[in-house]
Amino acid sequence: MSSLINLSIIRDIPREYPVIFLDFCKKNSLHPPSIHSGNGIALAMMLHYPEYYWSREVCNEFVDKFNIQTNDCIQLFNKHEQWGLQTSNVRGKYFIPIPYSLSKKHKMRKDFKFDGTEEQKQNEINKIKSTIMHDYIDSHNSTWQLGHKNPESEDNTNDNLVLQPPIQAKYRDKYIFLDTLTKIPTPKTLIQLYQQGECPYTEDQLNELKTWLDSL
């Protein structure tokens, strides 16, 4: 990767992935997206033009030029770590590093095994399901309360309100609820977790957040 790609050099879309890439996938039991899909087309372009990188503007021009349907062209180029391929970590530049390597997410999932017997695994699953049943499913409707999605916001409109079972009460002042089940720590809570050595983010993720916040 050395320079921004010029779409004038692209006359058609590759119909196959490079052989060396397919060998890499086979060796590592990876399953890339269909080359006929939007993600597959974007991946193929990056693989066939490894000496170039792609910008948001060029990605937009590319999908327009080849009439590729998508709500966000960047999603086609930067979501390949999900299935196992390491992509660029350079902000605003999309490409596949050479030599190919496995993404952190894939390494984390690969060969993951429950540290116990199959019976212990099933018991743990049943405990989790039982907890969910008790705290959410069996909690009577009359005990549910209306709370704020963002406890630090003064917005009292429906956009900032969410129905919650009693179990959520202990989280209400410390977490922002994206919906009834999904929550993220408020900035104050995140700082506190970090100070206590319980931060849910890795150092790389914190640096990613810092870079984004600095750009605002």
N, C-alpha and C. Protein backbone atom coordinates (compact mmCIF):
# COMPACT_ATOMS: atom_id res chain seq x y z
N MET A 1 0.84 -1.19 0.00
CA MET A 1 0.00 0.00 0.00
C MET A 1 0.88 1.24 0.00
N SER A 2 0.73 2.07 -1.05
CA SER A 2 1.58 3.25 -1.12
C SER A 2 0.83 4.51 -1.49
N SER A 3 -0.23 4.39 -2.29
CA SER A 3 -0.93 5.59 -2.73
C SER A 3 -2.43 5.32 -2.88
N LEU A 4 -3.18 6.41 -2.95
CA LEU A 4 -4.63 6.32 -3.10
C LEU A 4 -4.95 5.78 -4.49
N ILE A 5 -5.87 4.84 -4.57
CA ILE A 5 -6.21 4.23 -5.84
C ILE A 5 -6.96 5.22 -6.73
N ASN A 6 -6.69 5.14 -8.01
CA ASN A 6 -7.38 5.95 -9.02
C ASN A 6 -8.36 5.03 -9.75
N LEU A 7 -9.63 5.33 -9.69
CA LEU A 7 -10.64 4.44 -10.25
C LEU A 7 -10.54 4.30 -11.76
N SER A 8 -9.79 5.16 -12.40
CA SER A 8 -9.66 5.08 -13.85
C SER A 8 -8.93 3.82 -14.29
N ILE A 9 -8.16 3.21 -13.36
CA ILE A 9 -7.42 1.99 -13.73
C ILE A 9 -8.29 0.75 -13.58
N ILE A 10 -9.48 0.91 -13.01
CA ILE A 10 -10.38 -0.23 -12.80
C ILE A 10 -11.45 -0.24 -13.88
N ARG A 11 -11.42 -1.27 -14.69
CA ARG A 11 -12.40 -1.38 -15.78
C ARG A 11 -13.52 -2.36 -15.47
N ASP A 12 -13.20 -3.36 -14.67
CA ASP A 12 -14.23 -4.33 -14.29
C ASP A 12 -13.92 -4.89 -12.92
N ILE A 13 -14.87 -5.64 -12.39
CA ILE A 13 -14.74 -6.23 -11.05
C ILE A 13 -14.21 -7.66 -11.17
N PRO A 14 -13.19 -8.02 -10.40
CA PRO A 14 -12.66 -9.38 -10.44
C PRO A 14 -13.74 -10.41 -10.12
N ARG A 15 -13.68 -11.53 -10.79
CA ARG A 15 -14.67 -12.59 -10.57
C ARG A 15 -14.18 -13.65 -9.60
N GLU A 16 -12.90 -13.56 -9.24
CA GLU A 16 -12.34 -14.53 -8.31
C GLU A 16 -11.37 -13.84 -7.36
N TYR A 17 -11.20 -14.41 -6.17
CA TYR A 17 -10.20 -13.92 -5.24
C TYR A 17 -8.83 -14.41 -5.71
N PRO A 18 -7.75 -13.71 -5.34
CA PRO A 18 -6.40 -14.19 -5.68
C PRO A 18 -6.16 -15.58 -5.09
N VAL A 19 -5.43 -16.41 -5.81
CA VAL A 19 -5.16 -17.78 -5.37
C VAL A 19 -4.44 -17.80 -4.03
N ILE A 20 -3.48 -16.89 -3.85
CA ILE A 20 -2.72 -16.85 -2.60
C ILE A 20 -3.63 -16.53 -1.41
N PHE A 21 -4.65 -15.73 -1.67
CA PHE A 21 -5.62 -15.41 -0.61
C PHE A 21 -6.47 -16.63 -0.30
N LEU A 22 -6.92 -17.33 -1.32
CA LEU A 22 -7.74 -18.53 -1.11
C LEU A 22 -6.94 -19.59 -0.35
N ASP A 23 -5.65 -19.69 -0.64
CA ASP A 23 -4.80 -20.64 0.08
C ASP A 23 -4.70 -20.25 1.55
N PHE A 24 -4.59 -18.95 1.81
CA PHE A 24 -4.52 -18.45 3.19
C PHE A 24 -5.81 -18.79 3.94
N CYS A 25 -6.95 -18.59 3.28
CA CYS A 25 -8.24 -18.89 3.91
C CYS A 25 -8.38 -20.38 4.19
N LYS A 26 -7.97 -21.20 3.24
CA LYS A 26 -8.07 -22.65 3.41
C LYS A 26 -7.19 -23.12 4.57
N LYS A 27 -5.98 -22.57 4.64
CA LYS A 27 -5.04 -22.95 5.69
C LYS A 27 -5.57 -22.60 7.07
N ASN A 28 -6.30 -21.49 7.16
CA ASN A 28 -6.77 -21.00 8.46
C ASN A 28 -8.28 -21.22 8.69
N SER A 29 -8.89 -22.02 7.81
CA SER A 29 -10.32 -22.34 7.94
C SER A 29 -11.19 -21.09 7.99
N LEU A 30 -10.88 -20.14 7.14
CA LEU A 30 -11.65 -18.90 7.05
C LEU A 30 -12.70 -19.01 5.94
N HIS A 31 -13.78 -18.30 6.12
CA HIS A 31 -14.86 -18.32 5.15
C HIS A 31 -15.17 -16.89 4.72
N PRO A 32 -14.49 -16.40 3.69
CA PRO A 32 -14.71 -15.02 3.22
C PRO A 32 -16.10 -14.86 2.62
N PRO A 33 -16.58 -13.63 2.52
CA PRO A 33 -17.91 -13.41 1.95
C PRO A 33 -17.93 -13.79 0.48
N SER A 34 -19.11 -14.09 -0.03
CA SER A 34 -19.26 -14.41 -1.45
C SER A 34 -18.72 -13.26 -2.28
N ILE A 35 -17.96 -13.57 -3.29
CA ILE A 35 -17.36 -12.53 -4.11
C ILE A 35 -18.42 -11.77 -4.91
N HIS A 36 -19.62 -12.29 -4.93
CA HIS A 36 -20.71 -11.62 -5.64
C HIS A 36 -21.47 -10.64 -4.75
N SER A 37 -21.17 -10.66 -3.44
CA SER A 37 -21.83 -9.74 -2.51
C SER A 37 -21.08 -8.41 -2.48
N GLY A 38 -21.70 -7.39 -1.89
CA GLY A 38 -21.06 -6.09 -1.78
C GLY A 38 -19.75 -6.17 -1.01
N ASN A 39 -19.77 -6.89 0.12
CA ASN A 39 -18.56 -7.06 0.92
C ASN A 39 -17.48 -7.82 0.14
N GLY A 40 -17.92 -8.83 -0.60
CA GLY A 40 -16.99 -9.63 -1.38
C GLY A 40 -16.34 -8.83 -2.50
N ILE A 41 -17.13 -7.99 -3.15
CA ILE A 41 -16.60 -7.15 -4.23
C ILE A 41 -15.56 -6.18 -3.68
N ALA A 42 -15.89 -5.53 -2.54
CA ALA A 42 -14.95 -4.58 -1.93
C ALA A 42 -13.67 -5.30 -1.51
N LEU A 43 -13.81 -6.49 -0.94
CA LEU A 43 -12.64 -7.26 -0.52
C LEU A 43 -11.78 -7.63 -1.73
N ALA A 44 -12.42 -8.08 -2.79
CA ALA A 44 -11.69 -8.47 -4.00
C ALA A 44 -10.90 -7.29 -4.57
N MET A 45 -11.50 -6.11 -4.55
CA MET A 45 -10.80 -4.94 -5.07
C MET A 45 -9.55 -4.63 -4.27
N MET A 46 -9.65 -4.71 -2.93
CA MET A 46 -8.48 -4.44 -2.09
C MET A 46 -7.41 -5.51 -2.29
N LEU A 47 -7.85 -6.76 -2.49
CA LEU A 47 -6.90 -7.85 -2.65
C LEU A 47 -6.18 -7.79 -3.99
N HIS A 48 -6.90 -7.38 -5.03
CA HIS A 48 -6.32 -7.34 -6.37
C HIS A 48 -5.50 -6.07 -6.62
N TYR A 49 -5.64 -5.09 -5.75
CA TYR A 49 -4.86 -3.86 -5.88
C TYR A 49 -4.16 -3.57 -4.55
N PRO A 50 -3.28 -4.47 -4.11
CA PRO A 50 -2.66 -4.36 -2.78
C PRO A 50 -1.72 -3.17 -2.62
N GLU A 51 -1.30 -2.58 -3.73
CA GLU A 51 -0.37 -1.45 -3.64
C GLU A 51 -1.07 -0.12 -3.41
N TYR A 52 -2.40 -0.16 -3.33
CA TYR A 52 -3.18 1.06 -3.14
C TYR A 52 -4.04 0.98 -1.88
N TYR A 53 -4.45 2.14 -1.39
CA TYR A 53 -5.43 2.19 -0.32
C TYR A 53 -6.68 2.92 -0.83
N TRP A 54 -7.77 2.77 -0.09
CA TRP A 54 -9.06 3.35 -0.48
C TRP A 54 -9.49 4.37 0.58
N SER A 55 -10.03 5.48 0.14
CA SER A 55 -10.56 6.49 1.05
C SER A 55 -12.09 6.46 0.99
N ARG A 56 -12.74 7.15 1.92
CA ARG A 56 -14.21 7.20 1.91
C ARG A 56 -14.73 7.77 0.59
N GLU A 57 -14.08 8.82 0.10
CA GLU A 57 -14.53 9.44 -1.14
C GLU A 57 -14.43 8.47 -2.32
N VAL A 58 -13.31 7.75 -2.39
CA VAL A 58 -13.12 6.80 -3.49
C VAL A 58 -14.09 5.63 -3.37
N CYS A 59 -14.34 5.19 -2.14
CA CYS A 59 -15.30 4.10 -1.93
C CYS A 59 -16.69 4.51 -2.43
N ASN A 60 -17.07 5.76 -2.14
CA ASN A 60 -18.36 6.27 -2.62
C ASN A 60 -18.40 6.29 -4.14
N GLU A 61 -17.33 6.77 -4.76
CA GLU A 61 -17.27 6.83 -6.21
C GLU A 61 -17.30 5.43 -6.82
N PHE A 62 -16.66 4.48 -6.13
CA PHE A 62 -16.59 3.11 -6.63
C PHE A 62 -17.98 2.46 -6.69
N VAL A 63 -18.73 2.56 -5.58
CA VAL A 63 -20.06 1.93 -5.57
C VAL A 63 -21.00 2.61 -6.56
N ASP A 64 -20.80 3.90 -6.78
CA ASP A 64 -21.61 4.60 -7.78
C ASP A 64 -21.24 4.15 -9.19
N LYS A 65 -19.95 4.01 -9.44
CA LYS A 65 -19.47 3.63 -10.77
C LYS A 65 -19.96 2.26 -11.19
N PHE A 66 -19.97 1.32 -10.22
CA PHE A 66 -20.36 -0.05 -10.55
C PHE A 66 -21.77 -0.40 -10.05
N ASN A 67 -22.51 0.63 -9.64
CA ASN A 67 -23.92 0.47 -9.25
C ASN A 67 -24.09 -0.62 -8.18
N ILE A 68 -23.29 -0.52 -7.11
CA ILE A 68 -23.38 -1.47 -5.99
C ILE A 68 -24.29 -0.88 -4.92
N GLN A 69 -25.33 -1.62 -4.56
CA GLN A 69 -26.31 -1.14 -3.60
C GLN A 69 -25.80 -1.27 -2.16
N THR A 70 -25.76 -0.16 -1.44
CA THR A 70 -25.33 -0.18 -0.04
C THR A 70 -25.77 1.09 0.65
N ASN A 71 -26.03 0.99 1.95
CA ASN A 71 -26.38 2.18 2.74
C ASN A 71 -25.14 2.90 3.26
N ASP A 72 -24.01 2.18 3.31
CA ASP A 72 -22.76 2.76 3.78
C ASP A 72 -21.61 2.03 3.11
N CYS A 73 -20.98 2.66 2.14
CA CYS A 73 -19.93 1.99 1.37
C CYS A 73 -18.76 1.57 2.24
N ILE A 74 -18.48 2.32 3.31
CA ILE A 74 -17.33 2.00 4.16
C ILE A 74 -17.51 0.65 4.83
N GLN A 75 -18.76 0.30 5.14
CA GLN A 75 -19.03 -0.99 5.76
C GLN A 75 -18.55 -2.14 4.88
N LEU A 76 -18.57 -1.93 3.57
CA LEU A 76 -18.15 -2.98 2.64
C LEU A 76 -16.65 -3.22 2.70
N PHE A 77 -15.90 -2.18 3.05
CA PHE A 77 -14.44 -2.25 3.02
C PHE A 77 -13.80 -2.54 4.38
N ASN A 78 -14.46 -2.16 5.47
CA ASN A 78 -13.75 -2.25 6.76
C ASN A 78 -14.33 -3.26 7.74
N LYS A 79 -15.19 -4.17 7.29
CA LYS A 79 -15.81 -5.12 8.21
C LYS A 79 -15.27 -6.55 8.07
N HIS A 80 -14.09 -6.71 7.54
CA HIS A 80 -13.61 -8.07 7.28
C HIS A 80 -12.89 -8.71 8.46
N GLU A 81 -12.61 -7.92 9.50
CA GLU A 81 -12.02 -8.53 10.70
C GLU A 81 -13.04 -9.41 11.41
N GLN A 82 -14.33 -9.15 11.16
CA GLN A 82 -15.39 -9.92 11.82
C GLN A 82 -15.27 -11.40 11.49
N TRP A 83 -14.91 -11.72 10.25
CA TRP A 83 -14.82 -13.15 9.88
C TRP A 83 -13.38 -13.67 9.90
N GLY A 84 -12.41 -12.79 10.24
CA GLY A 84 -11.08 -13.32 10.50
C GLY A 84 -9.89 -12.69 9.82
N LEU A 85 -10.08 -11.79 8.84
CA LEU A 85 -8.96 -11.21 8.12
C LEU A 85 -8.54 -9.86 8.70
N GLN A 86 -7.26 -9.69 8.98
CA GLN A 86 -6.77 -8.42 9.49
C GLN A 86 -6.82 -7.36 8.41
N THR A 87 -7.42 -6.20 8.74
CA THR A 87 -7.48 -5.09 7.80
C THR A 87 -6.62 -3.95 8.33
N SER A 88 -6.55 -2.86 7.58
CA SER A 88 -5.69 -1.75 7.96
C SER A 88 -6.15 -1.12 9.27
N ASN A 89 -5.21 -0.58 10.02
CA ASN A 89 -5.54 0.16 11.24
C ASN A 89 -5.15 1.62 11.09
N VAL A 90 -5.00 2.06 9.83
CA VAL A 90 -4.68 3.46 9.55
C VAL A 90 -5.99 4.21 9.33
N ARG A 91 -6.22 5.21 10.13
CA ARG A 91 -7.49 5.94 10.07
C ARG A 91 -7.73 6.53 8.68
N GLY A 92 -8.91 6.22 8.12
CA GLY A 92 -9.30 6.79 6.83
C GLY A 92 -8.69 6.13 5.62
N LYS A 93 -7.86 5.08 5.84
CA LYS A 93 -7.26 4.37 4.72
C LYS A 93 -7.63 2.89 4.81
N TYR A 94 -8.26 2.38 3.78
CA TYR A 94 -8.76 1.00 3.80
C TYR A 94 -7.96 0.15 2.83
N PHE A 95 -7.35 -0.92 3.38
CA PHE A 95 -6.58 -1.85 2.56
C PHE A 95 -6.33 -3.11 3.37
N ILE A 96 -5.84 -4.14 2.70
CA ILE A 96 -5.53 -5.40 3.37
C ILE A 96 -4.01 -5.51 3.48
N PRO A 97 -3.46 -5.51 4.70
CA PRO A 97 -2.00 -5.60 4.86
C PRO A 97 -1.44 -6.90 4.28
N ILE A 98 -0.25 -6.77 3.69
CA ILE A 98 0.48 -7.91 3.15
C ILE A 98 1.71 -8.13 4.02
N PRO A 99 2.04 -9.36 4.44
CA PRO A 99 1.31 -10.60 4.18
C PRO A 99 -0.01 -10.66 4.96
N TYR A 100 -0.92 -11.49 4.50
CA TYR A 100 -2.20 -11.63 5.17
C TYR A 100 -2.00 -12.15 6.59
N SER A 101 -2.87 -11.73 7.48
CA SER A 101 -2.79 -12.21 8.86
C SER A 101 -4.19 -12.31 9.45
N LEU A 102 -4.31 -13.06 10.52
CA LEU A 102 -5.59 -13.26 11.18
C LEU A 102 -5.91 -12.07 12.07
N SER A 103 -7.17 -11.72 12.14
CA SER A 103 -7.59 -10.61 13.01
C SER A 103 -7.57 -11.06 14.45
N LYS A 104 -7.53 -10.09 15.36
CA LYS A 104 -7.54 -10.39 16.79
C LYS A 104 -8.81 -11.13 17.17
N LYS A 105 -9.92 -10.74 16.55
CA LYS A 105 -11.19 -11.37 16.89
C LYS A 105 -11.16 -12.85 16.53
N HIS A 106 -10.56 -13.17 15.40
CA HIS A 106 -10.49 -14.57 15.00
C HIS A 106 -9.58 -15.36 15.95
N LYS A 107 -8.43 -14.76 16.30
CA LYS A 107 -7.51 -15.42 17.20
C LYS A 107 -8.17 -15.69 18.55
N MET A 108 -9.01 -14.75 18.97
CA MET A 108 -9.68 -14.89 20.27
C MET A 108 -10.69 -16.04 20.23
N ARG A 109 -11.35 -16.21 19.08
CA ARG A 109 -12.38 -17.24 18.98
C ARG A 109 -11.81 -18.62 18.66
N LYS A 110 -10.68 -18.64 17.94
CA LYS A 110 -10.14 -19.90 17.46
C LYS A 110 -9.79 -20.84 18.61
N ASP A 111 -10.25 -22.08 18.47
CA ASP A 111 -9.96 -23.13 19.46
C ASP A 111 -10.44 -22.78 20.86
N PHE A 112 -11.41 -21.85 20.97
CA PHE A 112 -11.94 -21.53 22.30
C PHE A 112 -12.68 -22.74 22.86
N LYS A 113 -12.38 -23.08 24.09
CA LYS A 113 -13.03 -24.22 24.73
C LYS A 113 -13.44 -23.86 26.14
N PHE A 114 -14.58 -24.38 26.57
CA PHE A 114 -15.02 -24.18 27.94
C PHE A 114 -14.10 -24.95 28.87
N ASP A 115 -13.63 -24.29 29.93
CA ASP A 115 -12.67 -24.90 30.85
C ASP A 115 -13.41 -25.76 31.86
N GLY A 116 -13.87 -26.89 31.39
CA GLY A 116 -14.62 -27.79 32.25
C GLY A 116 -15.21 -28.92 31.43
N THR A 117 -15.93 -29.79 32.07
CA THR A 117 -16.56 -30.91 31.37
C THR A 117 -17.79 -30.43 30.63
N GLU A 118 -18.30 -31.29 29.75
CA GLU A 118 -19.51 -30.95 29.01
C GLU A 118 -20.69 -30.76 29.96
N GLU A 119 -20.73 -31.56 31.02
CA GLU A 119 -21.81 -31.44 32.01
C GLU A 119 -21.73 -30.10 32.73
N GLN A 120 -20.50 -29.67 33.09
CA GLN A 120 -20.33 -28.38 33.75
C GLN A 120 -20.73 -27.24 32.82
N LYS A 121 -20.40 -27.38 31.56
CA LYS A 121 -20.77 -26.36 30.57
C LYS A 121 -22.29 -26.22 30.50
N GLN A 122 -22.99 -27.33 30.42
CA GLN A 122 -24.46 -27.30 30.34
C GLN A 122 -25.06 -26.72 31.62
N ASN A 123 -24.46 -27.04 32.76
CA ASN A 123 -24.95 -26.50 34.03
C ASN A 123 -24.80 -24.98 34.08
N GLU A 124 -23.66 -24.49 33.58
CA GLU A 124 -23.44 -23.04 33.56
C GLU A 124 -24.43 -22.34 32.64
N ILE A 125 -24.68 -22.94 31.49
CA ILE A 125 -25.66 -22.38 30.55
C ILE A 125 -27.04 -22.31 31.20
N ASN A 126 -27.42 -23.40 31.88
CA ASN A 126 -28.73 -23.44 32.53
C ASN A 126 -28.84 -22.40 33.65
N LYS A 127 -27.72 -22.15 34.36
CA LYS A 127 -27.72 -21.12 35.41
C LYS A 127 -27.98 -19.74 34.81
N ILE A 128 -27.30 -19.45 33.69
CA ILE A 128 -27.47 -18.16 33.03
C ILE A 128 -28.90 -18.00 32.53
N LYS A 129 -29.43 -19.05 31.92
CA LYS A 129 -30.81 -19.00 31.41
C LYS A 129 -31.80 -18.83 32.56
N SER A 130 -31.51 -19.48 33.69
CA SER A 130 -32.39 -19.37 34.85
C SER A 130 -32.37 -17.95 35.40
N THR A 131 -31.20 -17.33 35.42
CA THR A 131 -31.08 -15.95 35.90
C THR A 131 -31.86 -15.00 35.01
N ILE A 132 -31.72 -15.18 33.70
CA ILE A 132 -32.46 -14.34 32.75
C ILE A 132 -33.96 -14.54 32.93
N MET A 133 -34.36 -15.78 33.11
CA MET A 133 -35.78 -16.07 33.31
C MET A 133 -36.31 -15.37 34.55
N HIS A 134 -35.56 -15.44 35.64
CA HIS A 134 -35.99 -14.85 36.91
C HIS A 134 -36.01 -13.33 36.84
N ASP A 135 -34.93 -12.73 36.28
CA ASP A 135 -34.77 -11.28 36.32
C ASP A 135 -35.59 -10.55 35.26
N TYR A 136 -35.90 -11.22 34.17
CA TYR A 136 -36.57 -10.53 33.07
C TYR A 136 -37.92 -11.14 32.70
N ILE A 137 -37.94 -12.43 32.44
CA ILE A 137 -39.16 -13.07 31.94
C ILE A 137 -40.23 -13.18 33.02
N ASP A 138 -39.84 -13.65 34.21
CA ASP A 138 -40.81 -13.88 35.28
C ASP A 138 -41.08 -12.64 36.13
N SER A 139 -40.36 -11.57 35.87
CA SER A 139 -40.60 -10.32 36.61
C SER A 139 -41.96 -9.76 36.19
N HIS A 140 -42.88 -9.63 37.15
CA HIS A 140 -44.24 -9.21 36.82
C HIS A 140 -44.25 -7.82 36.20
N ASN A 141 -45.14 -7.64 35.24
CA ASN A 141 -45.23 -6.37 34.52
C ASN A 141 -45.40 -5.17 35.46
N SER A 142 -46.09 -5.40 36.57
CA SER A 142 -46.36 -4.29 37.50
C SER A 142 -45.09 -3.79 38.19
N THR A 143 -44.02 -4.61 38.16
CA THR A 143 -42.78 -4.20 38.82
C THR A 143 -41.84 -3.43 37.89
N TRP A 144 -42.15 -3.44 36.61
CA TRP A 144 -41.30 -2.74 35.65
C TRP A 144 -41.52 -1.24 35.80
N GLN A 145 -40.44 -0.49 35.58
CA GLN A 145 -40.52 0.97 35.73
C GLN A 145 -39.99 1.67 34.48
N LEU A 146 -40.40 2.91 34.34
CA LEU A 146 -39.93 3.73 33.23
C LEU A 146 -38.70 4.50 33.68
N GLY A 147 -37.60 4.30 32.99
CA GLY A 147 -36.36 4.98 33.35
C GLY A 147 -35.77 5.74 32.18
N HIS A 148 -34.72 6.47 32.44
CA HIS A 148 -34.03 7.22 31.40
C HIS A 148 -32.97 6.35 30.74
N LYS A 149 -32.92 6.41 29.43
CA LYS A 149 -31.85 5.71 28.72
C LYS A 149 -30.50 6.30 29.14
N ASN A 150 -30.44 7.62 29.16
CA ASN A 150 -29.22 8.30 29.56
C ASN A 150 -29.48 9.05 30.86
N PRO A 151 -28.98 8.56 31.99
CA PRO A 151 -29.27 9.16 33.29
C PRO A 151 -28.70 10.56 33.47
N GLU A 152 -27.74 10.94 32.62
CA GLU A 152 -27.12 12.25 32.75
C GLU A 152 -27.70 13.27 31.78
N SER A 153 -28.75 12.85 31.07
CA SER A 153 -29.41 13.77 30.14
C SER A 153 -30.66 14.35 30.79
N GLU A 154 -31.00 15.58 30.43
CA GLU A 154 -32.21 16.22 30.96
C GLU A 154 -33.40 16.01 30.03
N ASP A 155 -33.21 15.20 29.01
CA ASP A 155 -34.27 14.92 28.04
C ASP A 155 -35.33 14.02 28.66
N ASN A 156 -36.56 14.51 28.74
CA ASN A 156 -37.66 13.72 29.30
C ASN A 156 -38.65 13.27 28.23
N THR A 157 -38.24 13.34 26.97
CA THR A 157 -39.11 12.89 25.89
C THR A 157 -39.03 11.37 25.78
N ASN A 158 -39.91 10.81 24.97
CA ASN A 158 -39.93 9.36 24.79
C ASN A 158 -38.62 8.82 24.23
N ASP A 159 -37.89 9.67 23.51
CA ASP A 159 -36.62 9.22 22.92
C ASP A 159 -35.61 8.83 23.98
N ASN A 160 -35.78 9.36 25.21
CA ASN A 160 -34.81 9.07 26.26
C ASN A 160 -35.41 8.22 27.38
N LEU A 161 -36.51 7.55 27.09
CA LEU A 161 -37.16 6.72 28.11
C LEU A 161 -37.13 5.25 27.69
N VAL A 162 -37.05 4.38 28.69
CA VAL A 162 -37.00 2.95 28.42
C VAL A 162 -37.64 2.19 29.57
N LEU A 163 -38.38 1.14 29.25
CA LEU A 163 -38.98 0.29 30.28
C LEU A 163 -37.93 -0.70 30.80
N GLN A 164 -37.89 -0.84 32.14
CA GLN A 164 -36.86 -1.68 32.74
C GLN A 164 -37.43 -2.51 33.88
N PRO A 165 -36.97 -3.76 34.01
CA PRO A 165 -37.36 -4.59 35.15
C PRO A 165 -36.58 -4.16 36.39
N PRO A 166 -36.98 -4.59 37.57
CA PRO A 166 -36.33 -4.16 38.82
C PRO A 166 -34.82 -4.39 38.86
N ILE A 167 -34.34 -5.47 38.22
CA ILE A 167 -32.92 -5.80 38.26
C ILE A 167 -32.05 -4.67 37.71
N GLN A 168 -32.63 -3.83 36.83
CA GLN A 168 -31.85 -2.77 36.21
C GLN A 168 -31.64 -1.57 37.12
N ALA A 169 -32.34 -1.54 38.24
CA ALA A 169 -32.26 -0.38 39.14
C ALA A 169 -30.82 -0.08 39.57
N LYS A 170 -30.03 -1.11 39.80
CA LYS A 170 -28.66 -0.90 40.29
C LYS A 170 -27.74 -0.33 39.21
N TYR A 171 -28.22 -0.31 37.96
CA TYR A 171 -27.40 0.22 36.88
C TYR A 171 -27.84 1.60 36.40
N ARG A 172 -28.99 2.06 36.85
CA ARG A 172 -29.64 3.22 36.24
C ARG A 172 -28.84 4.51 36.28
N ASP A 173 -28.10 4.75 37.34
CA ASP A 173 -27.36 6.01 37.43
C ASP A 173 -25.95 5.91 36.86
N LYS A 174 -25.55 4.71 36.49
CA LYS A 174 -24.17 4.50 36.05
C LYS A 174 -24.05 4.08 34.59
N TYR A 175 -25.18 3.70 33.99
CA TYR A 175 -25.11 3.18 32.62
C TYR A 175 -26.13 3.86 31.71
N ILE A 176 -25.78 3.94 30.45
CA ILE A 176 -26.69 4.43 29.41
C ILE A 176 -27.30 3.21 28.75
N PHE A 177 -28.63 3.17 28.67
CA PHE A 177 -29.33 2.04 28.09
C PHE A 177 -29.67 2.33 26.63
N LEU A 178 -29.10 1.54 25.73
CA LEU A 178 -29.44 1.66 24.32
C LEU A 178 -30.82 1.08 24.05
N ASP A 179 -31.16 0.07 24.82
CA ASP A 179 -32.51 -0.50 24.85
C ASP A 179 -32.65 -1.19 26.20
N THR A 180 -33.71 -1.94 26.40
CA THR A 180 -33.95 -2.55 27.71
C THR A 180 -32.81 -3.44 28.17
N LEU A 181 -32.16 -4.14 27.26
CA LEU A 181 -31.12 -5.09 27.63
C LEU A 181 -29.69 -4.59 27.42
N THR A 182 -29.49 -3.73 26.46
CA THR A 182 -28.14 -3.32 26.08
C THR A 182 -27.74 -2.03 26.78
N LYS A 183 -26.62 -2.06 27.48
CA LYS A 183 -26.18 -0.89 28.23
C LYS A 183 -24.68 -0.66 28.07
N ILE A 184 -24.28 0.59 28.18
CA ILE A 184 -22.87 0.96 28.14
C ILE A 184 -22.60 1.90 29.31
N PRO A 185 -21.39 1.89 29.87
CA PRO A 185 -21.11 2.76 31.03
C PRO A 185 -21.10 4.23 30.64
N THR A 186 -21.56 5.08 31.54
CA THR A 186 -21.44 6.52 31.34
C THR A 186 -19.95 6.87 31.39
N PRO A 187 -19.55 8.04 30.90
CA PRO A 187 -18.14 8.43 31.00
C PRO A 187 -17.59 8.34 32.42
N LYS A 188 -18.36 8.82 33.40
CA LYS A 188 -17.91 8.78 34.79
C LYS A 188 -17.69 7.34 35.25
N THR A 189 -18.60 6.45 34.87
CA THR A 189 -18.48 5.05 35.26
C THR A 189 -17.29 4.40 34.58
N LEU A 190 -17.07 4.74 33.30
CA LEU A 190 -15.94 4.17 32.58
C LEU A 190 -14.62 4.59 33.22
N ILE A 191 -14.52 5.85 33.61
CA ILE A 191 -13.32 6.34 34.29
C ILE A 191 -13.11 5.59 35.61
N GLN A 192 -14.21 5.40 36.33
CA GLN A 192 -14.13 4.70 37.62
C GLN A 192 -13.69 3.25 37.42
N LEU A 193 -14.24 2.60 36.40
CA LEU A 193 -13.86 1.22 36.12
C LEU A 193 -12.38 1.13 35.76
N TYR A 194 -11.90 2.11 34.99
CA TYR A 194 -10.50 2.13 34.60
C TYR A 194 -9.60 2.29 35.83
N GLN A 195 -9.99 3.18 36.72
CA GLN A 195 -9.20 3.43 37.93
C GLN A 195 -9.18 2.20 38.84
N GLN A 196 -10.23 1.39 38.75
CA GLN A 196 -10.32 0.19 39.58
C GLN A 196 -9.70 -1.03 38.89
N GLY A 197 -9.15 -0.81 37.69
CA GLY A 197 -8.56 -1.92 36.95
C GLY A 197 -9.59 -2.84 36.34
N GLU A 198 -10.82 -2.34 36.13
CA GLU A 198 -11.91 -3.16 35.60
C GLU A 198 -12.43 -2.62 34.27
N CYS A 199 -11.63 -1.84 33.56
CA CYS A 199 -12.07 -1.25 32.30
C CYS A 199 -12.39 -2.35 31.28
N PRO A 200 -13.54 -2.30 30.63
CA PRO A 200 -13.90 -3.35 29.66
C PRO A 200 -13.15 -3.23 28.34
N TYR A 201 -12.49 -2.08 28.11
CA TYR A 201 -11.78 -1.86 26.86
C TYR A 201 -10.31 -2.25 26.96
N THR A 202 -9.73 -2.71 25.85
CA THR A 202 -8.30 -2.96 25.79
C THR A 202 -7.60 -1.61 25.56
N GLU A 203 -6.28 -1.59 25.70
CA GLU A 203 -5.53 -0.36 25.46
C GLU A 203 -5.70 0.11 24.03
N ASP A 204 -5.72 -0.83 23.08
CA ASP A 204 -5.91 -0.47 21.67
C ASP A 204 -7.27 0.20 21.46
N GLN A 205 -8.29 -0.32 22.13
CA GLN A 205 -9.63 0.27 21.98
C GLN A 205 -9.69 1.65 22.62
N LEU A 206 -9.02 1.83 23.75
CA LEU A 206 -8.98 3.15 24.38
C LEU A 206 -8.26 4.16 23.48
N ASN A 207 -7.19 3.72 22.83
CA ASN A 207 -6.48 4.60 21.91
C ASN A 207 -7.35 4.94 20.70
N GLU A 208 -8.16 3.96 20.27
CA GLU A 208 -9.07 4.20 19.15
C GLU A 208 -10.12 5.25 19.54
N LEU A 209 -10.64 5.13 20.76
CA LEU A 209 -11.60 6.13 21.27
C LEU A 209 -10.95 7.50 21.39
N LYS A 210 -9.72 7.53 21.88
CA LYS A 210 -9.01 8.81 22.04
C LYS A 210 -8.82 9.50 20.70
N THR A 211 -8.42 8.72 19.68
CA THR A 211 -8.21 9.28 18.34
C THR A 211 -9.51 9.87 17.80
N TRP A 212 -10.60 9.15 18.02
CA TRP A 212 -11.89 9.62 17.52
C TRP A 212 -12.34 10.87 18.27
N LEU A 213 -12.20 10.87 19.60
CA LEU A 213 -12.61 12.03 20.41
C LEU A 213 -11.76 13.26 20.06
N ASP A 214 -10.47 13.05 19.80
CA ASP A 214 -9.60 14.17 19.43
C ASP A 214 -10.00 14.79 18.09
N SER A 215 -10.68 13.99 17.27
CA SER A 215 -11.06 14.48 15.94
C SER A 215 -12.36 15.28 15.95
N LEU A 216 -13.09 15.24 17.08
CA LEU A 216 -14.38 15.94 17.14
C LEU A 216 -14.18 17.44 17.25
